[in-house]
Amino acid sequence: MEKILIIGCKKTMDDVCIGCSRCLVAFNRRVSAFERYKDMDAEIMGILNCGDCPGASIVPRLIQVKLWNMPLDEQPTKIHIGPCIADNCPYYDDLVTKIQVKSGIEVIEGTHSYTPSSIFS
């Protein structure tokens, strides 16, 4: 079974996003970046923010995910980077590199494509 950890932007998740519902809806519908799990047994095991700019605390946060989930025998098998980071973060490349190097698991850019092309249309 795939265990998915979603990582989003702290500022967006705290101030703009509505409970990351679009990421969860996309997963439940198996659309956008989650289409790859269409015929698979998969679940979201957590949603984590980057720790704030410039993402310096992402590694300790990933360690916390590992440690806190050890007694549950649950660890992520895939990490998805939310569009709040992928589309807007000036630290994106460094952040994703840190996540890939330290987690040792596949990192996938994107979750949903529910971003409107225009605010007033």
C-alpha atoms as a PDB file:
ATOM      1  CA  MET A   1       0.000   0.000   0.000  1.00  0.00           C
ATOM      2  CA  GLU A   2       1.230   3.481  -0.829  1.00  0.00           C
ATOM      3  CA  LYS A   3       1.392   5.856   2.140  1.00  0.00           C
ATOM      4  CA  ILE A   4       1.374   9.445   0.932  1.00  0.00           C
ATOM      5  CA  LEU A   5       2.703  12.466   2.767  1.00  0.00           C
ATOM      6  CA  ILE A   6       1.732  15.846   1.334  1.00  0.00           C
ATOM      7  CA  ILE A   7       4.017  18.805   1.982  1.00  0.00           C
ATOM      8  CA  GLY A   8       2.620  22.304   1.574  1.00  0.00           C
ATOM      9  CA  CYS A   9       3.668  25.896   2.156  1.00  0.00           C
ATOM     10  CA  LYS A  10       3.351  26.982   5.785  1.00  0.00           C
ATOM     11  CA  LYS A  11       2.254  30.491   4.899  1.00  0.00           C
ATOM     12  CA  THR A  12      -0.367  29.304   2.427  1.00  0.00           C
ATOM     13  CA  MET A  13      -1.640  26.539   4.676  1.00  0.00           C
ATOM     14  CA  ASP A  14      -1.945  28.888   7.654  1.00  0.00           C
ATOM     15  CA  ASP A  15      -3.327  31.938   5.876  1.00  0.00           C
ATOM     16  CA  VAL A  16      -4.927  31.045   2.558  1.00  0.00           C
ATOM     17  CA  CYS A  17      -5.759  27.374   2.033  1.00  0.00           C
ATOM     18  CA  ILE A  18      -9.035  26.000   3.306  1.00  0.00           C
ATOM     19  CA  GLY A  19      -7.789  22.997   5.222  1.00  0.00           C
ATOM     20  CA  CYS A  20      -5.980  21.617   2.185  1.00  0.00           C
ATOM     21  CA  SER A  21      -9.325  20.276   1.014  1.00  0.00           C
ATOM     22  CA  ARG A  22      -8.390  20.513  -2.663  1.00  0.00           C
ATOM     23  CA  CYS A  23      -5.424  18.177  -2.113  1.00  0.00           C
ATOM     24  CA  LEU A  24      -7.672  15.713  -0.308  1.00  0.00           C
ATOM     25  CA  VAL A  25     -10.469  15.937  -2.888  1.00  0.00           C
ATOM     26  CA  ALA A  26      -7.976  15.316  -5.705  1.00  0.00           C
ATOM     27  CA  PHE A  27      -6.624  12.287  -3.854  1.00  0.00           C
ATOM     28  CA  ASN A  28     -10.091  10.885  -3.139  1.00  0.00           C
ATOM     29  CA  ARG A  29     -11.053  11.333  -6.795  1.00  0.00           C
ATOM     30  CA  ARG A  30      -7.638  10.046  -7.951  1.00  0.00           C
ATOM     31  CA  VAL A  31      -7.167  12.981 -10.331  1.00  0.00           C
ATOM     32  CA  SER A  32      -4.258  15.247 -11.256  1.00  0.00           C
ATOM     33  CA  ALA A  33      -1.019  14.030  -9.657  1.00  0.00           C
ATOM     34  CA  PHE A  34      -2.929  11.325  -7.767  1.00  0.00           C
ATOM     35  CA  GLU A  35      -4.095   9.634 -10.976  1.00  0.00           C
ATOM     36  CA  ARG A  36      -1.099   7.300 -10.600  1.00  0.00           C
ATOM     37  CA  TYR A  37      -2.888   5.649  -7.651  1.00  0.00           C
ATOM     38  CA  LYS A  38      -6.143   5.031  -9.555  1.00  0.00           C
ATOM     39  CA  ASP A  39      -5.940   1.239  -9.425  1.00  0.00           C
ATOM     40  CA  MET A  40      -3.843   0.991  -6.285  1.00  0.00           C
ATOM     41  CA  ASP A  41      -4.348   0.718  -2.575  1.00  0.00           C
ATOM     42  CA  ALA A  42      -3.175   4.101  -1.278  1.00  0.00           C
ATOM     43  CA  GLU A  43      -3.914   6.497   1.549  1.00  0.00           C
ATOM     44  CA  ILE A  44      -2.906   9.929   2.752  1.00  0.00           C
ATOM     45  CA  MET A  45      -0.950   9.413   5.947  1.00  0.00           C
ATOM     46  CA  GLY A  46      -0.356  13.084   6.652  1.00  0.00           C
ATOM     47  CA  ILE A  47      -0.152  16.668   5.551  1.00  0.00           C
ATOM     48  CA  LEU A  48       2.943  18.559   6.650  1.00  0.00           C
ATOM     49  CA  ASN A  49       3.964  22.143   6.108  1.00  0.00           C
ATOM     50  CA  CYS A  50       7.477  23.075   5.053  1.00  0.00           C
ATOM     51  CA  GLY A  51       8.258  24.781   8.351  1.00  0.00           C
ATOM     52  CA  ASP A  52       8.291  28.303   6.841  1.00  0.00           C
ATOM     53  CA  CYS A  53      10.756  30.109   4.601  1.00  0.00           C
ATOM     54  CA  PRO A  54      13.368  29.180   3.561  1.00  0.00           C
ATOM     55  CA  GLY A  55      12.425  25.597   4.411  1.00  0.00           C
ATOM     56  CA  ALA A  56      15.322  25.190   6.815  1.00  0.00           C
ATOM     57  CA  SER A  57      13.259  23.057   9.209  1.00  0.00           C
ATOM     58  CA  ILE A  58      11.915  20.571   6.645  1.00  0.00           C
ATOM     59  CA  VAL A  59      14.474  17.909   7.588  1.00  0.00           C
ATOM     60  CA  PRO A  60      13.699  18.014  11.343  1.00  0.00           C
ATOM     61  CA  ARG A  61       9.986  17.955  10.464  1.00  0.00           C
ATOM     62  CA  LEU A  62      10.497  14.832   8.321  1.00  0.00           C
ATOM     63  CA  ILE A  63      12.418  13.245  11.202  1.00  0.00           C
ATOM     64  CA  GLN A  64       9.444  13.990  13.457  1.00  0.00           C
ATOM     65  CA  VAL A  65       7.119  12.266  10.973  1.00  0.00           C
ATOM     66  CA  LYS A  66       9.385   9.231  11.047  1.00  0.00           C
ATOM     67  CA  LEU A  67       9.756   9.148  14.844  1.00  0.00           C
ATOM     68  CA  TRP A  68       6.124   9.856  15.695  1.00  0.00           C
ATOM     69  CA  ASN A  69       4.918   7.172  13.304  1.00  0.00           C
ATOM     70  CA  MET A  70       7.418   4.465  14.292  1.00  0.00           C
ATOM     71  CA  PRO A  71       5.212   3.058  17.084  1.00  0.00           C
ATOM     72  CA  LEU A  72       2.369   2.899  14.568  1.00  0.00           C
ATOM     73  CA  ASP A  73       4.542   1.081  12.019  1.00  0.00           C
ATOM     74  CA  GLU A  74       3.568   3.709   9.433  1.00  0.00           C
ATOM     75  CA  GLN A  75       6.002   5.509   7.148  1.00  0.00           C
ATOM     76  CA  PRO A  76       5.421   7.436   3.927  1.00  0.00           C
ATOM     77  CA  THR A  77       6.276   5.703   0.682  1.00  0.00           C
ATOM     78  CA  LYS A  78       5.687   8.777  -1.515  1.00  0.00           C
ATOM     79  CA  ILE A  79       5.857  12.515  -0.882  1.00  0.00           C
ATOM     80  CA  HIS A  80       3.759  14.937  -2.895  1.00  0.00           C
ATOM     81  CA  ILE A  81       4.666  18.622  -3.040  1.00  0.00           C
ATOM     82  CA  GLY A  82       1.552  20.781  -3.006  1.00  0.00           C
ATOM     83  CA  PRO A  83       0.994  23.418  -5.675  1.00  0.00           C
ATOM     84  CA  CYS A  84       1.258  26.073  -2.963  1.00  0.00           C
ATOM     85  CA  ILE A  85       4.997  25.266  -2.977  1.00  0.00           C
ATOM     86  CA  ALA A  86       5.484  24.038  -6.541  1.00  0.00           C
ATOM     87  CA  ASP A  87       3.900  27.118  -8.110  1.00  0.00           C
ATOM     88  CA  ASN A  88       5.094  29.879  -5.790  1.00  0.00           C
ATOM     89  CA  CYS A  89       8.128  29.037  -3.665  1.00  0.00           C
ATOM     90  CA  PRO A  90      11.409  30.841  -4.365  1.00  0.00           C
ATOM     91  CA  TYR A  91      13.167  28.074  -2.365  1.00  0.00           C
ATOM     92  CA  TYR A  92      11.509  25.240  -4.291  1.00  0.00           C
ATOM     93  CA  ASP A  93      14.633  23.614  -5.762  1.00  0.00           C
ATOM     94  CA  ASP A  94      16.532  23.609  -2.457  1.00  0.00           C
ATOM     95  CA  LEU A  95      13.490  22.407  -0.545  1.00  0.00           C
ATOM     96  CA  VAL A  96      12.783  19.497  -2.885  1.00  0.00           C
ATOM     97  CA  THR A  97      16.464  18.524  -2.967  1.00  0.00           C
ATOM     98  CA  LYS A  98      16.556  18.385   0.844  1.00  0.00           C
ATOM     99  CA  ILE A  99      13.401  16.280   0.916  1.00  0.00           C
ATOM    100  CA  GLN A 100      14.691  13.856  -1.741  1.00  0.00           C
ATOM    101  CA  VAL A 101      18.139  13.452  -0.213  1.00  0.00           C
ATOM    102  CA  LYS A 102      17.012  13.046   3.379  1.00  0.00           C
ATOM    103  CA  SER A 103      13.827  11.035   2.896  1.00  0.00           C
ATOM    104  CA  GLY A 104      15.176   8.619   0.320  1.00  0.00           C
ATOM    105  CA  ILE A 105      11.711   8.172  -1.178  1.00  0.00           C
ATOM    106  CA  GLU A 106      10.093   9.380  -4.383  1.00  0.00           C
ATOM    107  CA  VAL A 107       9.068  13.037  -4.362  1.00  0.00           C
ATOM    108  CA  ILE A 108       6.293  13.993  -6.760  1.00  0.00           C
ATOM    109  CA  GLU A 109       5.559  17.567  -7.777  1.00  0.00           C
ATOM    110  CA  GLY A 110       1.908  18.410  -7.455  1.00  0.00           C
ATOM    111  CA  THR A 111      -1.334  17.253  -5.957  1.00  0.00           C
ATOM    112  CA  HIS A 112      -4.314  18.958  -7.620  1.00  0.00           C
ATOM    113  CA  SER A 113      -5.004  21.223 -10.570  1.00  0.00           C
ATOM    114  CA  TYR A 114      -7.943  23.075  -9.065  1.00  0.00           C
ATOM    115  CA  THR A 115      -6.335  26.504  -9.401  1.00  0.00           C
ATOM    116  CA  PRO A 116      -8.582  28.960 -11.218  1.00  0.00           C
ATOM    117  CA  SER A 117      -7.071  30.637 -14.280  1.00  0.00           C
ATOM    118  CA  SER A 118      -8.747  33.922 -13.357  1.00  0.00           C
ATOM    119  CA  ILE A 119     -10.168  35.227 -10.099  1.00  0.00           C
ATOM    120  CA  PHE A 120     -13.169  37.021 -11.573  1.00  0.00           C
ATOM    121  CA  SER A 121     -14.265  34.729 -14.367  1.00  0.00           C
END
